[in-house]
Amino acid sequence: MSTDPLCLVFVPALVVVLSAAEKSKGSPLTEAEVVDIRDRATCIALSFDTALKMEQARGYPDIVAENCWSEWQAIRLQLA
């Protein structure tokens, strides 16, 4: 039995989903919209090791669900 803890991983990455939603909307997402998108996004449970390898292969970290609004505010400016 593995002792590696499980973590939830957004698939596709939440940053990708939020970016697409903002582009589709044509204006910045509100906090309520970001939280709603996060709450409806698809997640899978992976071992921490597998999730870390997935992030490394992707080449960038995803947004942490619990801090999605403030992280999205910082990341969205880099994507523009």
Protein backbone atom coordinates (compact mmCIF):
# COMPACT_ATOMS: atom_id res chain seq x y z
CA MET A 1 0.00 0.00 0.00
CA SER A 2 1.35 3.41 -0.98
CA THR A 3 1.93 6.10 1.63
CA ASP A 4 1.99 8.81 -1.05
CA PRO A 5 -0.90 11.19 -0.24
CA LEU A 6 -3.58 11.91 -2.82
CA CYS A 7 -4.17 15.36 -4.21
CA LEU A 8 -6.82 16.77 -6.52
CA VAL A 9 -5.66 17.84 -9.96
CA PHE A 10 -7.77 19.86 -12.41
CA VAL A 11 -8.02 18.32 -15.87
CA PRO A 12 -7.53 20.37 -17.93
CA ALA A 13 -5.51 22.72 -15.73
CA LEU A 14 -7.68 25.36 -14.05
CA VAL A 15 -5.51 28.15 -15.44
CA VAL A 16 -6.35 26.93 -18.97
CA VAL A 17 -10.09 26.75 -18.21
CA LEU A 18 -10.14 30.23 -16.68
CA SER A 19 -8.13 31.69 -19.54
CA ALA A 20 -10.54 30.24 -22.11
CA ALA A 21 -13.55 31.50 -20.15
CA GLU A 22 -12.11 35.01 -19.94
CA LYS A 23 -11.28 35.07 -23.66
CA SER A 24 -14.79 33.86 -24.46
CA LYS A 25 -16.35 36.50 -22.20
CA GLY A 26 -14.18 39.26 -23.66
CA SER A 27 -13.61 40.91 -20.29
CA PRO A 28 -12.08 40.02 -16.92
CA LEU A 29 -13.85 37.34 -14.93
CA THR A 30 -15.41 38.34 -11.63
CA GLU A 31 -14.51 36.58 -8.40
CA ALA A 32 -17.90 34.85 -8.43
CA GLU A 33 -17.29 33.59 -11.97
CA VAL A 34 -13.82 32.28 -11.10
CA VAL A 35 -15.16 30.44 -8.05
CA ASP A 36 -18.08 29.02 -10.04
CA ILE A 37 -15.77 27.78 -12.81
CA ARG A 38 -13.47 26.24 -10.20
CA ASP A 39 -16.39 24.52 -8.48
CA ARG A 40 -17.64 23.03 -11.77
CA ALA A 41 -14.21 22.05 -13.14
CA THR A 42 -13.21 18.41 -13.51
CA CYS A 43 -10.75 17.08 -10.94
CA ILE A 44 -9.04 13.75 -10.56
CA ALA A 45 -7.33 12.33 -7.50
CA LEU A 46 -3.70 11.43 -8.10
CA SER A 47 -0.84 10.47 -5.85
CA PHE A 48 1.29 13.47 -4.97
CA ASP A 49 4.23 12.00 -6.89
CA THR A 50 2.15 11.48 -10.04
CA ALA A 51 0.63 14.97 -9.78
CA LEU A 52 4.10 16.51 -9.43
CA LYS A 53 5.35 14.63 -12.50
CA MET A 54 2.28 15.76 -14.44
CA GLU A 55 2.93 19.39 -13.48
CA GLN A 56 6.58 19.12 -14.47
CA ALA A 57 5.62 17.63 -17.84
CA ARG A 58 3.08 20.43 -18.38
CA GLY A 59 5.78 23.02 -17.70
CA TYR A 60 3.86 25.30 -15.36
CA PRO A 61 2.04 25.04 -12.03
CA ASP A 62 -1.74 25.20 -11.90
CA ILE A 63 -3.80 27.46 -9.68
CA VAL A 64 -4.38 26.23 -6.13
CA ALA A 65 -8.13 25.74 -5.72
CA GLU A 66 -8.34 27.29 -2.25
CA ASN A 67 -6.59 30.46 -3.45
CA CYS A 68 -7.97 30.56 -6.99
CA TRP A 69 -9.12 34.19 -7.07
CA SER A 70 -5.86 35.83 -5.99
CA GLU A 71 -3.73 33.40 -8.00
CA TRP A 72 -5.86 34.00 -11.09
CA GLN A 73 -5.43 37.77 -10.66
CA ALA A 74 -1.65 37.37 -10.72
CA ILE A 75 -1.50 34.81 -13.55
CA ARG A 76 -3.99 36.45 -15.89
CA LEU A 77 -1.77 39.51 -16.22
CA GLN A 78 1.10 37.29 -17.36
CA LEU A 79 -1.12 35.64 -19.99
CA ALA A 80 -2.26 38.90 -21.58
